[in-house]
Amino acid sequence: MILDLHAHSIKSDDGRAKVANYCQWIKAKNVPIDGFVLTEHRQFDFESDYSDLAEKNGLVILKGSEVETEYGHVLVFGVTQALTQAFDFTNIQLKLADVLAACAEHGAVAAPCHPGRKRVGMWAHIDTYGVPKGVRIVETYNGGSRDNEDAVAQAMAAEQGYLGIGGSDAHIVSHIGRCATRFPSAIHTETELVAALQAEQFEAVTFREANT
C-alpha cells in the first residue's frame, strides 16, 4: 500500500485544497497512491469525518498533525485526545524532546518533516542544539522540496541511521501524491498506520512526474 503521509487541506491556515478535490485529482490523473494523511498545521481535526468520501473514491483518508518545535516542523501520527492534552499543538515553540516523549507515552509516532529545509527543517538547527535524541523516522522525500533539500535530508538520515518516509506536503490539489511511503501490508486506520511505522517496514518513494 502506498500512502502520501503529508498533506494539508483548507483546514490548515495556508491550505487551499478541499479533501474531495484531492480525491478527484488522484482518480482523474491516476496518481499512484492508495490514500493520504491530512496533517493539518498546529492542530488535530477531530470533527471531520472523511469515511464516506474515502469509500466513494476507493481511497484511504487518515488524519495526523504537523507541529512546530525548536528543531523545525514535525509530523505526528496516531493523535488521540489524550495526546492533545499532553502538549499544546498550537504552540510554535514546542520542545522536540517533549513531543517525542509524549508520543512515546501515548502510542503515537513523531517524524521531523522536510528536515533539509532552511529554518523549518531539523538540519538547520543541529549546529545550535546538537543531534536530537529519540528521533527514529524523518521525511526524506517531500513534494515541496527545492534545490538539494531532499538530498540533505537523505544524507542526514544515512548518517544518523534514520528511517525515511515520503509525503507531498501538498497545499494545492495538483501536488497530492508527489511523494509517498510504501508499506508491505494494507493500512486502513490511524492505529494501523502507527503500527506499520513502529514495525519499521516501509520506504519513501517519489512520483513527482505523476502530477505533471
N, C-alpha and C. Protein backbone atom coordinates (compact mmCIF):
# COMPACT_ATOMS: atom_id res chain seq x y z
N MET A 1 0.84 -1.19 0.00
CA MET A 1 0.00 0.00 0.00
C MET A 1 0.87 1.24 0.00
N ILE A 2 0.47 2.24 -0.76
CA ILE A 2 1.24 3.48 -0.87
C ILE A 2 0.40 4.64 -0.37
N LEU A 3 0.89 5.31 0.65
CA LEU A 3 0.18 6.44 1.26
C LEU A 3 1.05 7.69 1.23
N ASP A 4 0.44 8.80 0.87
CA ASP A 4 1.06 10.12 0.99
C ASP A 4 0.86 10.55 2.43
N LEU A 5 1.95 10.63 3.19
CA LEU A 5 1.84 10.87 4.64
C LEU A 5 1.84 12.33 5.05
N HIS A 6 1.74 13.25 4.09
CA HIS A 6 1.88 14.67 4.46
C HIS A 6 1.08 15.53 3.49
N ALA A 7 -0.12 15.92 3.90
CA ALA A 7 -0.96 16.77 3.05
C ALA A 7 -1.78 17.72 3.91
N HIS A 8 -2.14 18.85 3.32
CA HIS A 8 -2.90 19.87 4.03
C HIS A 8 -4.15 20.25 3.25
N SER A 9 -5.24 20.41 3.95
CA SER A 9 -6.49 20.85 3.32
C SER A 9 -6.77 22.30 3.72
N ILE A 10 -7.95 22.77 3.38
CA ILE A 10 -8.33 24.13 3.78
C ILE A 10 -8.47 24.27 5.29
N LYS A 11 -8.39 23.17 6.02
CA LYS A 11 -8.39 23.24 7.48
C LYS A 11 -7.11 23.88 8.00
N SER A 12 -6.03 23.79 7.21
CA SER A 12 -4.78 24.45 7.58
C SER A 12 -4.83 25.90 7.12
N ASP A 13 -4.15 26.77 7.83
CA ASP A 13 -4.23 28.20 7.55
C ASP A 13 -3.71 28.55 6.17
N ASP A 14 -2.79 27.75 5.63
CA ASP A 14 -2.25 28.04 4.31
C ASP A 14 -2.66 27.00 3.27
N GLY A 15 -3.58 26.12 3.62
CA GLY A 15 -4.04 25.10 2.68
C GLY A 15 -5.12 25.65 1.76
N ARG A 16 -5.05 25.26 0.49
CA ARG A 16 -6.02 25.77 -0.49
C ARG A 16 -6.79 24.64 -1.18
N ALA A 17 -6.70 23.43 -0.64
CA ALA A 17 -7.33 22.29 -1.29
C ALA A 17 -8.43 21.68 -0.42
N LYS A 18 -9.55 21.36 -1.05
CA LYS A 18 -10.60 20.61 -0.38
C LYS A 18 -10.27 19.12 -0.51
N VAL A 19 -10.62 18.36 0.49
CA VAL A 19 -10.29 16.94 0.50
C VAL A 19 -10.96 16.22 -0.67
N ALA A 20 -12.19 16.58 -0.99
CA ALA A 20 -12.89 15.98 -2.12
C ALA A 20 -12.15 16.23 -3.42
N ASN A 21 -11.53 17.40 -3.54
CA ASN A 21 -10.79 17.72 -4.77
C ASN A 21 -9.49 16.92 -4.86
N TYR A 22 -8.86 16.64 -3.72
CA TYR A 22 -7.71 15.75 -3.73
C TYR A 22 -8.12 14.39 -4.31
N CYS A 23 -9.25 13.88 -3.83
CA CYS A 23 -9.72 12.57 -4.31
C CYS A 23 -9.98 12.60 -5.82
N GLN A 24 -10.62 13.64 -6.27
CA GLN A 24 -10.92 13.76 -7.70
C GLN A 24 -9.65 13.81 -8.53
N TRP A 25 -8.65 14.53 -8.06
CA TRP A 25 -7.40 14.66 -8.79
C TRP A 25 -6.68 13.32 -8.85
N ILE A 26 -6.62 12.62 -7.75
CA ILE A 26 -5.95 11.31 -7.70
C ILE A 26 -6.56 10.36 -8.72
N LYS A 27 -7.89 10.34 -8.78
CA LYS A 27 -8.56 9.42 -9.71
C LYS A 27 -8.41 9.89 -11.15
N ALA A 28 -8.57 11.19 -11.38
CA ALA A 28 -8.51 11.72 -12.75
C ALA A 28 -7.12 11.59 -13.36
N LYS A 29 -6.09 11.78 -12.54
CA LYS A 29 -4.72 11.76 -13.03
C LYS A 29 -4.01 10.43 -12.80
N ASN A 30 -4.76 9.46 -12.23
CA ASN A 30 -4.17 8.16 -11.93
C ASN A 30 -2.91 8.28 -11.09
N VAL A 31 -2.94 9.14 -10.11
CA VAL A 31 -1.80 9.30 -9.20
C VAL A 31 -1.64 7.97 -8.44
N PRO A 32 -0.46 7.38 -8.46
CA PRO A 32 -0.28 6.01 -7.96
C PRO A 32 -0.18 5.88 -6.44
N ILE A 33 -1.18 6.41 -5.73
CA ILE A 33 -1.24 6.25 -4.28
C ILE A 33 -2.59 5.66 -3.91
N ASP A 34 -2.62 5.00 -2.76
CA ASP A 34 -3.85 4.38 -2.26
C ASP A 34 -4.59 5.26 -1.27
N GLY A 35 -3.96 6.35 -0.88
CA GLY A 35 -4.60 7.25 0.08
C GLY A 35 -3.62 8.28 0.59
N PHE A 36 -4.07 9.06 1.55
CA PHE A 36 -3.23 10.13 2.07
C PHE A 36 -3.61 10.46 3.52
N VAL A 37 -2.68 11.14 4.19
CA VAL A 37 -2.89 11.56 5.58
C VAL A 37 -2.93 13.07 5.63
N LEU A 38 -3.98 13.60 6.22
CA LEU A 38 -4.13 15.05 6.38
C LEU A 38 -3.44 15.47 7.67
N THR A 39 -2.33 16.16 7.53
CA THR A 39 -1.52 16.58 8.67
C THR A 39 -1.65 18.09 8.83
N GLU A 40 -2.79 18.51 9.32
CA GLU A 40 -3.06 19.95 9.41
C GLU A 40 -2.11 20.62 10.40
N HIS A 41 -1.76 21.86 10.10
CA HIS A 41 -0.82 22.61 10.92
C HIS A 41 -1.37 22.92 12.31
N ARG A 42 -0.54 22.60 13.33
CA ARG A 42 -0.76 23.02 14.72
C ARG A 42 -2.15 22.66 15.26
N GLN A 43 -2.66 21.51 14.86
CA GLN A 43 -3.98 21.08 15.31
C GLN A 43 -4.20 19.62 14.95
N PHE A 44 -5.23 19.04 15.55
CA PHE A 44 -5.74 17.76 15.06
C PHE A 44 -7.23 17.94 14.82
N ASP A 45 -7.65 17.60 13.64
CA ASP A 45 -9.04 17.82 13.21
C ASP A 45 -9.93 16.66 13.68
N PHE A 46 -10.44 16.78 14.90
CA PHE A 46 -11.30 15.73 15.43
C PHE A 46 -12.68 15.73 14.77
N GLU A 47 -13.13 16.87 14.27
CA GLU A 47 -14.53 16.98 13.85
C GLU A 47 -14.82 16.43 12.46
N SER A 48 -13.88 16.41 11.57
CA SER A 48 -14.15 15.99 10.19
C SER A 48 -14.18 14.47 10.06
N ASP A 49 -15.16 13.97 9.34
CA ASP A 49 -15.29 12.54 9.07
C ASP A 49 -15.24 12.34 7.56
N TYR A 50 -14.17 11.71 7.09
CA TYR A 50 -13.97 11.52 5.65
C TYR A 50 -14.26 10.09 5.22
N SER A 51 -14.90 9.30 6.07
CA SER A 51 -15.10 7.88 5.76
C SER A 51 -15.96 7.68 4.52
N ASP A 52 -17.03 8.43 4.37
CA ASP A 52 -17.89 8.28 3.19
C ASP A 52 -17.14 8.68 1.92
N LEU A 53 -16.39 9.77 2.01
CA LEU A 53 -15.60 10.24 0.87
C LEU A 53 -14.54 9.21 0.48
N ALA A 54 -13.92 8.63 1.48
CA ALA A 54 -12.90 7.61 1.23
C ALA A 54 -13.51 6.39 0.55
N GLU A 55 -14.66 5.93 1.06
CA GLU A 55 -15.31 4.76 0.47
C GLU A 55 -15.76 5.03 -0.96
N LYS A 56 -16.31 6.20 -1.19
CA LYS A 56 -16.79 6.57 -2.52
C LYS A 56 -15.67 6.55 -3.55
N ASN A 57 -14.49 6.97 -3.15
CA ASN A 57 -13.37 7.09 -4.08
C ASN A 57 -12.39 5.93 -4.01
N GLY A 58 -12.65 4.97 -3.13
CA GLY A 58 -11.75 3.83 -3.01
C GLY A 58 -10.37 4.22 -2.51
N LEU A 59 -10.34 5.19 -1.61
CA LEU A 59 -9.08 5.68 -1.07
C LEU A 59 -9.08 5.60 0.46
N VAL A 60 -7.91 5.59 1.02
CA VAL A 60 -7.75 5.68 2.47
C VAL A 60 -7.47 7.13 2.82
N ILE A 61 -8.25 7.71 3.71
CA ILE A 61 -8.03 9.09 4.15
C ILE A 61 -7.88 9.07 5.66
N LEU A 62 -6.69 9.37 6.12
CA LEU A 62 -6.39 9.37 7.54
C LEU A 62 -6.01 10.78 7.99
N LYS A 63 -5.86 10.93 9.30
CA LYS A 63 -5.54 12.25 9.84
C LYS A 63 -4.35 12.17 10.79
N GLY A 64 -3.56 13.23 10.77
CA GLY A 64 -2.44 13.38 11.69
C GLY A 64 -2.30 14.85 12.02
N SER A 65 -1.08 15.29 12.25
CA SER A 65 -0.85 16.70 12.56
C SER A 65 0.58 17.09 12.19
N GLU A 66 0.81 18.39 12.05
CA GLU A 66 2.15 18.92 11.88
C GLU A 66 2.35 20.00 12.94
N VAL A 67 3.29 19.77 13.83
CA VAL A 67 3.54 20.71 14.93
C VAL A 67 4.91 21.35 14.75
N GLU A 68 5.19 22.37 15.56
CA GLU A 68 6.41 23.15 15.39
C GLU A 68 7.26 23.10 16.66
N THR A 69 8.54 22.79 16.46
CA THR A 69 9.47 22.67 17.58
C THR A 69 10.71 23.52 17.31
N GLU A 70 11.62 23.52 18.28
CA GLU A 70 12.86 24.26 18.09
C GLU A 70 13.74 23.65 17.00
N TYR A 71 13.45 22.40 16.64
CA TYR A 71 14.16 21.73 15.55
C TYR A 71 13.42 21.81 14.22
N GLY A 72 12.34 22.58 14.18
CA GLY A 72 11.56 22.67 12.96
C GLY A 72 10.26 21.90 13.07
N HIS A 73 9.64 21.62 11.93
CA HIS A 73 8.31 21.02 11.90
C HIS A 73 8.39 19.50 12.04
N VAL A 74 7.35 18.95 12.67
CA VAL A 74 7.31 17.53 12.99
C VAL A 74 5.93 16.97 12.68
N LEU A 75 5.86 15.88 11.93
CA LEU A 75 4.60 15.19 11.68
C LEU A 75 4.30 14.28 12.86
N VAL A 76 3.03 14.21 13.23
CA VAL A 76 2.61 13.34 14.33
C VAL A 76 1.48 12.45 13.83
N PHE A 77 1.66 11.14 14.00
CA PHE A 77 0.67 10.16 13.59
C PHE A 77 0.16 9.41 14.81
N GLY A 78 -1.15 9.11 14.82
CA GLY A 78 -1.73 8.41 15.97
C GLY A 78 -2.19 9.37 17.06
N VAL A 79 -2.68 10.52 16.65
CA VAL A 79 -3.11 11.54 17.62
C VAL A 79 -4.40 11.10 18.31
N THR A 80 -4.43 11.26 19.62
CA THR A 80 -5.62 10.99 20.43
C THR A 80 -5.96 12.22 21.27
N GLN A 81 -7.11 12.19 21.89
CA GLN A 81 -7.49 13.28 22.80
C GLN A 81 -6.45 13.44 23.89
N ALA A 82 -5.99 12.32 24.42
CA ALA A 82 -5.00 12.37 25.49
C ALA A 82 -3.70 13.01 25.03
N LEU A 83 -3.29 12.72 23.81
CA LEU A 83 -2.05 13.31 23.30
C LEU A 83 -2.19 14.82 23.13
N THR A 84 -3.35 15.28 22.68
CA THR A 84 -3.54 16.73 22.52
C THR A 84 -3.55 17.45 23.86
N GLN A 85 -3.75 16.71 24.94
CA GLN A 85 -3.69 17.31 26.27
C GLN A 85 -2.29 17.22 26.88
N ALA A 86 -1.44 16.41 26.25
CA ALA A 86 -0.08 16.24 26.77
C ALA A 86 0.82 17.41 26.41
N PHE A 87 0.55 18.04 25.27
CA PHE A 87 1.25 19.27 24.90
C PHE A 87 0.34 20.10 24.01
N ASP A 88 0.65 21.39 23.93
CA ASP A 88 -0.19 22.34 23.20
C ASP A 88 0.18 22.33 21.72
N PHE A 89 -0.69 21.75 20.90
CA PHE A 89 -0.41 21.65 19.47
C PHE A 89 -0.29 23.02 18.81
N THR A 90 -0.88 24.04 19.39
CA THR A 90 -0.84 25.37 18.78
C THR A 90 0.44 26.13 19.09
N ASN A 91 1.22 25.63 20.03
CA ASN A 91 2.44 26.30 20.45
C ASN A 91 3.51 26.16 19.37
N ILE A 92 4.05 27.27 18.88
CA ILE A 92 5.06 27.21 17.83
C ILE A 92 6.48 27.12 18.40
N GLN A 93 6.58 26.96 19.71
CA GLN A 93 7.89 26.85 20.35
C GLN A 93 7.97 25.59 21.20
N LEU A 94 7.40 24.52 20.72
CA LEU A 94 7.46 23.25 21.43
C LEU A 94 8.90 22.72 21.47
N LYS A 95 9.19 21.90 22.46
CA LYS A 95 10.48 21.22 22.53
C LYS A 95 10.32 19.85 21.88
N LEU A 96 11.21 19.54 20.94
CA LEU A 96 11.13 18.26 20.25
C LEU A 96 11.16 17.10 21.24
N ALA A 97 11.99 17.21 22.26
CA ALA A 97 12.08 16.14 23.25
C ALA A 97 10.73 15.90 23.92
N ASP A 98 10.00 16.97 24.19
CA ASP A 98 8.68 16.83 24.81
C ASP A 98 7.69 16.16 23.86
N VAL A 99 7.74 16.51 22.59
CA VAL A 99 6.85 15.90 21.60
C VAL A 99 7.16 14.42 21.46
N LEU A 100 8.44 14.08 21.37
CA LEU A 100 8.83 12.68 21.24
C LEU A 100 8.41 11.88 22.47
N ALA A 101 8.60 12.45 23.65
CA ALA A 101 8.25 11.75 24.88
C ALA A 101 6.74 11.53 24.98
N ALA A 102 5.97 12.57 24.64
CA ALA A 102 4.51 12.45 24.71
C ALA A 102 4.01 11.43 23.71
N CYS A 103 4.58 11.42 22.52
CA CYS A 103 4.17 10.44 21.51
C CYS A 103 4.49 9.02 21.96
N ALA A 104 5.65 8.84 22.54
CA ALA A 104 6.02 7.51 23.03
C ALA A 104 5.07 7.06 24.13
N GLU A 105 4.70 7.96 25.00
CA GLU A 105 3.81 7.63 26.12
C GLU A 105 2.40 7.28 25.64
N HIS A 106 1.96 7.94 24.57
CA HIS A 106 0.58 7.78 24.11
C HIS A 106 0.46 6.93 22.84
N GLY A 107 1.51 6.21 22.50
CA GLY A 107 1.44 5.29 21.38
C GLY A 107 1.36 5.94 20.02
N ALA A 108 1.92 7.13 19.89
CA ALA A 108 1.94 7.85 18.62
C ALA A 108 3.35 7.83 18.04
N VAL A 109 3.49 8.33 16.82
CA VAL A 109 4.80 8.39 16.16
C VAL A 109 5.05 9.81 15.69
N ALA A 110 6.24 10.33 15.99
CA ALA A 110 6.63 11.66 15.55
C ALA A 110 7.77 11.55 14.56
N ALA A 111 7.70 12.33 13.48
CA ALA A 111 8.73 12.29 12.44
C ALA A 111 9.01 13.69 11.93
N PRO A 112 10.19 14.23 12.17
CA PRO A 112 10.54 15.54 11.61
C PRO A 112 10.35 15.55 10.09
N CYS A 113 9.68 16.58 9.59
CA CYS A 113 9.41 16.65 8.15
C CYS A 113 10.30 17.70 7.48
N HIS A 114 10.43 17.56 6.17
CA HIS A 114 11.35 18.37 5.36
C HIS A 114 12.58 18.80 6.17
N PRO A 115 13.32 17.82 6.72
CA PRO A 115 14.42 18.16 7.63
C PRO A 115 15.59 18.86 6.96
N GLY A 116 15.65 18.83 5.62
CA GLY A 116 16.72 19.53 4.93
C GLY A 116 16.41 20.97 4.59
N ARG A 117 15.24 21.45 5.01
CA ARG A 117 14.80 22.80 4.65
C ARG A 117 15.34 23.84 5.63
N LYS A 118 15.64 25.00 5.11
CA LYS A 118 16.11 26.10 5.97
C LYS A 118 15.01 26.51 6.94
N ARG A 119 15.40 26.87 8.10
CA ARG A 119 14.54 27.43 9.16
C ARG A 119 13.55 26.42 9.73
N VAL A 120 12.76 25.75 8.92
CA VAL A 120 11.72 24.86 9.45
C VAL A 120 12.10 23.39 9.36
N GLY A 121 13.37 23.10 9.02
CA GLY A 121 13.85 21.73 8.95
C GLY A 121 14.84 21.42 10.06
N MET A 122 14.92 20.19 10.47
CA MET A 122 15.75 19.80 11.61
C MET A 122 17.23 20.08 11.38
N TRP A 123 17.71 19.83 10.14
CA TRP A 123 19.13 20.01 9.87
C TRP A 123 19.59 21.44 10.15
N ALA A 124 18.73 22.41 9.94
CA ALA A 124 19.10 23.82 10.12
C ALA A 124 19.40 24.16 11.58
N HIS A 125 19.00 23.29 12.50
CA HIS A 125 19.14 23.61 13.92
C HIS A 125 20.10 22.70 14.66
N ILE A 126 20.73 21.76 13.96
CA ILE A 126 21.62 20.83 14.63
C ILE A 126 22.88 21.51 15.13
N ASP A 127 23.40 22.48 14.38
CA ASP A 127 24.59 23.20 14.85
C ASP A 127 24.30 23.93 16.16
N THR A 128 23.07 24.40 16.31
CA THR A 128 22.70 25.15 17.53
C THR A 128 22.39 24.23 18.70
N TYR A 129 21.60 23.20 18.44
CA TYR A 129 21.08 22.37 19.53
C TYR A 129 21.69 20.97 19.60
N GLY A 130 22.46 20.58 18.58
CA GLY A 130 23.01 19.24 18.55
C GLY A 130 22.04 18.25 17.93
N VAL A 131 22.51 17.04 17.70
CA VAL A 131 21.65 15.99 17.14
C VAL A 131 20.66 15.55 18.21
N PRO A 132 19.37 15.64 17.92
CA PRO A 132 18.37 15.30 18.95
C PRO A 132 18.35 13.80 19.24
N LYS A 133 18.04 13.47 20.46
CA LYS A 133 17.91 12.07 20.85
C LYS A 133 16.46 11.61 20.65
N GLY A 134 16.30 10.37 20.27
CA GLY A 134 14.97 9.79 20.19
C GLY A 134 14.31 9.83 18.83
N VAL A 135 14.93 10.51 17.85
CA VAL A 135 14.35 10.53 16.51
C VAL A 135 14.66 9.21 15.82
N ARG A 136 13.65 8.60 15.25
CA ARG A 136 13.84 7.34 14.52
C ARG A 136 13.47 7.46 13.06
N ILE A 137 12.50 8.33 12.75
CA ILE A 137 11.99 8.47 11.39
C ILE A 137 12.01 9.94 10.98
N VAL A 138 12.44 10.21 9.76
CA VAL A 138 12.36 11.57 9.22
C VAL A 138 11.81 11.48 7.80
N GLU A 139 11.32 12.60 7.31
CA GLU A 139 10.79 12.66 5.95
C GLU A 139 11.95 12.90 4.98
N THR A 140 12.24 11.90 4.16
CA THR A 140 13.36 12.02 3.23
C THR A 140 12.94 12.39 1.82
N TYR A 141 11.65 12.26 1.51
CA TYR A 141 11.09 12.75 0.26
C TYR A 141 9.93 13.69 0.59
N ASN A 142 10.05 14.93 0.19
CA ASN A 142 9.00 15.92 0.41
C ASN A 142 8.66 16.57 -0.92
N GLY A 143 7.37 16.54 -1.28
CA GLY A 143 6.95 17.05 -2.58
C GLY A 143 7.14 18.54 -2.78
N GLY A 144 7.36 19.28 -1.68
CA GLY A 144 7.59 20.71 -1.80
C GLY A 144 9.04 21.11 -1.71
N SER A 145 9.92 20.14 -1.65
CA SER A 145 11.35 20.45 -1.51
C SER A 145 11.90 21.13 -2.76
N ARG A 146 12.88 21.99 -2.52
CA ARG A 146 13.57 22.69 -3.61
C ARG A 146 15.06 22.43 -3.51
N ASP A 147 15.75 22.69 -4.63
CA ASP A 147 17.20 22.57 -4.66
C ASP A 147 17.65 21.21 -4.10
N ASN A 148 18.49 21.25 -3.07
CA ASN A 148 19.05 20.00 -2.54
C ASN A 148 18.44 19.60 -1.20
N GLU A 149 17.26 20.12 -0.89
CA GLU A 149 16.67 19.88 0.43
C GLU A 149 16.47 18.39 0.71
N ASP A 150 15.96 17.64 -0.26
CA ASP A 150 15.78 16.20 -0.04
C ASP A 150 17.12 15.49 0.06
N ALA A 151 18.10 15.94 -0.71
CA ALA A 151 19.43 15.33 -0.66
C ALA A 151 20.04 15.52 0.72
N VAL A 152 19.86 16.70 1.30
CA VAL A 152 20.35 16.96 2.66
C VAL A 152 19.65 16.03 3.64
N ALA A 153 18.33 15.90 3.50
CA ALA A 153 17.56 15.03 4.39
C ALA A 153 18.02 13.58 4.28
N GLN A 154 18.25 13.13 3.05
CA GLN A 154 18.67 11.74 2.84
C GLN A 154 20.07 11.48 3.37
N ALA A 155 20.95 12.45 3.21
CA ALA A 155 22.32 12.31 3.72
C ALA A 155 22.30 12.27 5.25
N MET A 156 21.48 13.11 5.86
CA MET A 156 21.37 13.12 7.31
C MET A 156 20.80 11.80 7.81
N ALA A 157 19.79 11.28 7.11
CA ALA A 157 19.19 10.01 7.50
C ALA A 157 20.21 8.88 7.43
N ALA A 158 21.00 8.89 6.37
CA ALA A 158 22.02 7.85 6.23
C ALA A 158 23.07 7.95 7.32
N GLU A 159 23.47 9.18 7.63
CA GLU A 159 24.50 9.39 8.65
C GLU A 159 24.02 9.01 10.04
N GLN A 160 22.76 9.33 10.34
CA GLN A 160 22.23 9.10 11.69
C GLN A 160 21.48 7.78 11.82
N GLY A 161 21.29 7.07 10.71
CA GLY A 161 20.57 5.80 10.77
C GLY A 161 19.07 5.95 10.89
N TYR A 162 18.53 7.09 10.41
CA TYR A 162 17.09 7.30 10.45
C TYR A 162 16.39 6.53 9.33
N LEU A 163 15.16 6.15 9.58
CA LEU A 163 14.30 5.60 8.53
C LEU A 163 13.63 6.75 7.80
N GLY A 164 13.30 6.54 6.52
CA GLY A 164 12.73 7.63 5.72
C GLY A 164 11.30 7.38 5.30
N ILE A 165 10.49 8.43 5.39
CA ILE A 165 9.13 8.40 4.85
C ILE A 165 9.01 9.48 3.79
N GLY A 166 7.92 9.40 3.00
CA GLY A 166 7.69 10.40 1.97
C GLY A 166 6.29 10.97 2.06
N GLY A 167 6.18 12.24 1.72
CA GLY A 167 4.89 12.92 1.69
C GLY A 167 4.94 14.09 0.75
N SER A 168 3.80 14.43 0.18
CA SER A 168 3.77 15.50 -0.82
C SER A 168 3.89 16.89 -0.22
N ASP A 169 3.48 17.03 1.05
CA ASP A 169 3.37 18.37 1.65
C ASP A 169 2.44 19.23 0.80
N ALA A 170 1.42 18.59 0.24
CA ALA A 170 0.51 19.30 -0.67
C ALA A 170 -0.32 20.34 0.07
N HIS A 171 -0.38 21.52 -0.53
CA HIS A 171 -1.28 22.59 -0.09
C HIS A 171 -2.28 22.95 -1.19
N ILE A 172 -1.98 22.48 -2.39
CA ILE A 172 -2.89 22.66 -3.52
C ILE A 172 -3.14 21.28 -4.15
N VAL A 173 -4.25 21.17 -4.84
CA VAL A 173 -4.71 19.87 -5.32
C VAL A 173 -3.68 19.15 -6.19
N SER A 174 -3.06 19.86 -7.11
CA SER A 174 -2.18 19.22 -8.08
C SER A 174 -0.89 18.67 -7.49
N HIS A 175 -0.61 18.94 -6.23
CA HIS A 175 0.62 18.46 -5.61
C HIS A 175 0.44 17.14 -4.87
N ILE A 176 -0.78 16.68 -4.68
CA ILE A 176 -1.01 15.46 -3.91
C ILE A 176 -0.33 14.26 -4.60
N GLY A 177 0.32 13.44 -3.80
CA GLY A 177 0.95 12.24 -4.32
C GLY A 177 2.30 12.43 -4.96
N ARG A 178 2.88 13.61 -4.86
CA ARG A 178 4.22 13.80 -5.44
C ARG A 178 5.24 12.89 -4.78
N CYS A 179 5.11 12.71 -3.48
CA CYS A 179 5.96 11.79 -2.74
C CYS A 179 5.07 11.01 -1.78
N ALA A 180 5.50 9.82 -1.40
CA ALA A 180 4.66 8.97 -0.57
C ALA A 180 5.51 7.92 0.13
N THR A 181 4.83 7.01 0.82
CA THR A 181 5.50 5.95 1.56
C THR A 181 4.86 4.62 1.21
N ARG A 182 5.68 3.65 0.87
CA ARG A 182 5.19 2.32 0.51
C ARG A 182 5.28 1.39 1.72
N PHE A 183 4.16 0.72 2.02
CA PHE A 183 4.09 -0.23 3.12
C PHE A 183 3.84 -1.63 2.56
N PRO A 184 4.30 -2.68 3.24
CA PRO A 184 4.13 -4.04 2.72
C PRO A 184 2.74 -4.63 2.93
N SER A 185 1.92 -3.99 3.78
CA SER A 185 0.58 -4.53 4.04
C SER A 185 -0.44 -3.40 4.04
N ALA A 186 -1.71 -3.80 4.04
CA ALA A 186 -2.80 -2.82 3.97
C ALA A 186 -2.91 -2.00 5.24
N ILE A 187 -3.27 -0.73 5.07
CA ILE A 187 -3.48 0.18 6.19
C ILE A 187 -4.80 0.90 5.95
N HIS A 188 -5.70 0.85 6.94
CA HIS A 188 -7.00 1.50 6.79
C HIS A 188 -7.35 2.42 7.95
N THR A 189 -6.57 2.40 9.01
CA THR A 189 -6.85 3.23 10.17
C THR A 189 -5.57 3.89 10.67
N GLU A 190 -5.73 4.92 11.49
CA GLU A 190 -4.55 5.57 12.08
C GLU A 190 -3.79 4.61 12.99
N THR A 191 -4.51 3.72 13.66
CA THR A 191 -3.87 2.74 14.52
C THR A 191 -2.99 1.80 13.70
N GLU A 192 -3.50 1.37 12.56
CA GLU A 192 -2.71 0.50 11.68
C GLU A 192 -1.51 1.25 11.10
N LEU A 193 -1.67 2.53 10.82
CA LEU A 193 -0.55 3.32 10.32
C LEU A 193 0.55 3.41 11.36
N VAL A 194 0.19 3.69 12.59
CA VAL A 194 1.18 3.76 13.67
C VAL A 194 1.90 2.42 13.82
N ALA A 195 1.14 1.33 13.79
CA ALA A 195 1.74 0.00 13.93
C ALA A 195 2.73 -0.27 12.80
N ALA A 196 2.37 0.14 11.58
CA ALA A 196 3.25 -0.07 10.43
C ALA A 196 4.52 0.76 10.57
N LEU A 197 4.40 1.98 11.04
CA LEU A 197 5.58 2.81 11.24
C LEU A 197 6.46 2.26 12.36
N GLN A 198 5.83 1.78 13.41
CA GLN A 198 6.60 1.22 14.52
C GLN A 198 7.28 -0.08 14.13
N ALA A 199 6.70 -0.79 13.16
CA ALA A 199 7.31 -2.04 12.68
C ALA A 199 8.53 -1.78 11.81
N GLU A 200 8.70 -0.53 11.38
CA GLU A 200 9.87 -0.09 10.63
C GLU A 200 10.03 -0.84 9.30
N GLN A 201 8.90 -1.14 8.67
CA GLN A 201 8.93 -1.79 7.36
C GLN A 201 8.20 -0.90 6.36
N PHE A 202 8.94 0.00 5.74
CA PHE A 202 8.37 0.93 4.78
C PHE A 202 9.51 1.61 4.03
N GLU A 203 9.16 2.28 2.96
CA GLU A 203 10.18 3.03 2.22
C GLU A 203 9.57 4.27 1.61
N ALA A 204 10.34 5.33 1.56
CA ALA A 204 9.91 6.57 0.93
C ALA A 204 10.03 6.43 -0.58
N VAL A 205 9.03 6.94 -1.30
CA VAL A 205 9.05 6.88 -2.77
C VAL A 205 8.63 8.25 -3.31
N THR A 206 9.00 8.49 -4.56
CA THR A 206 8.63 9.75 -5.19
C THR A 206 7.93 9.50 -6.52
N PHE A 207 6.88 10.27 -6.78
CA PHE A 207 6.11 10.19 -8.03
C PHE A 207 5.93 11.59 -8.59
N ARG A 208 6.96 12.39 -8.53
CA ARG A 208 6.84 13.78 -8.95
C ARG A 208 6.29 13.90 -10.37
N GLU A 209 6.66 12.97 -11.24
CA GLU A 209 6.22 13.05 -12.64
C GLU A 209 4.75 12.72 -12.81
N ALA A 210 4.12 12.12 -11.79
CA ALA A 210 2.72 11.72 -11.93
C ALA A 210 1.79 12.93 -11.98
N ASN A 211 2.27 14.05 -11.49
CA ASN A 211 1.39 15.23 -11.39
C ASN A 211 1.73 16.29 -12.43
N THR A 212 2.51 15.94 -13.42
CA THR A 212 2.88 16.93 -14.42
C THR A 212 2.10 16.72 -15.71
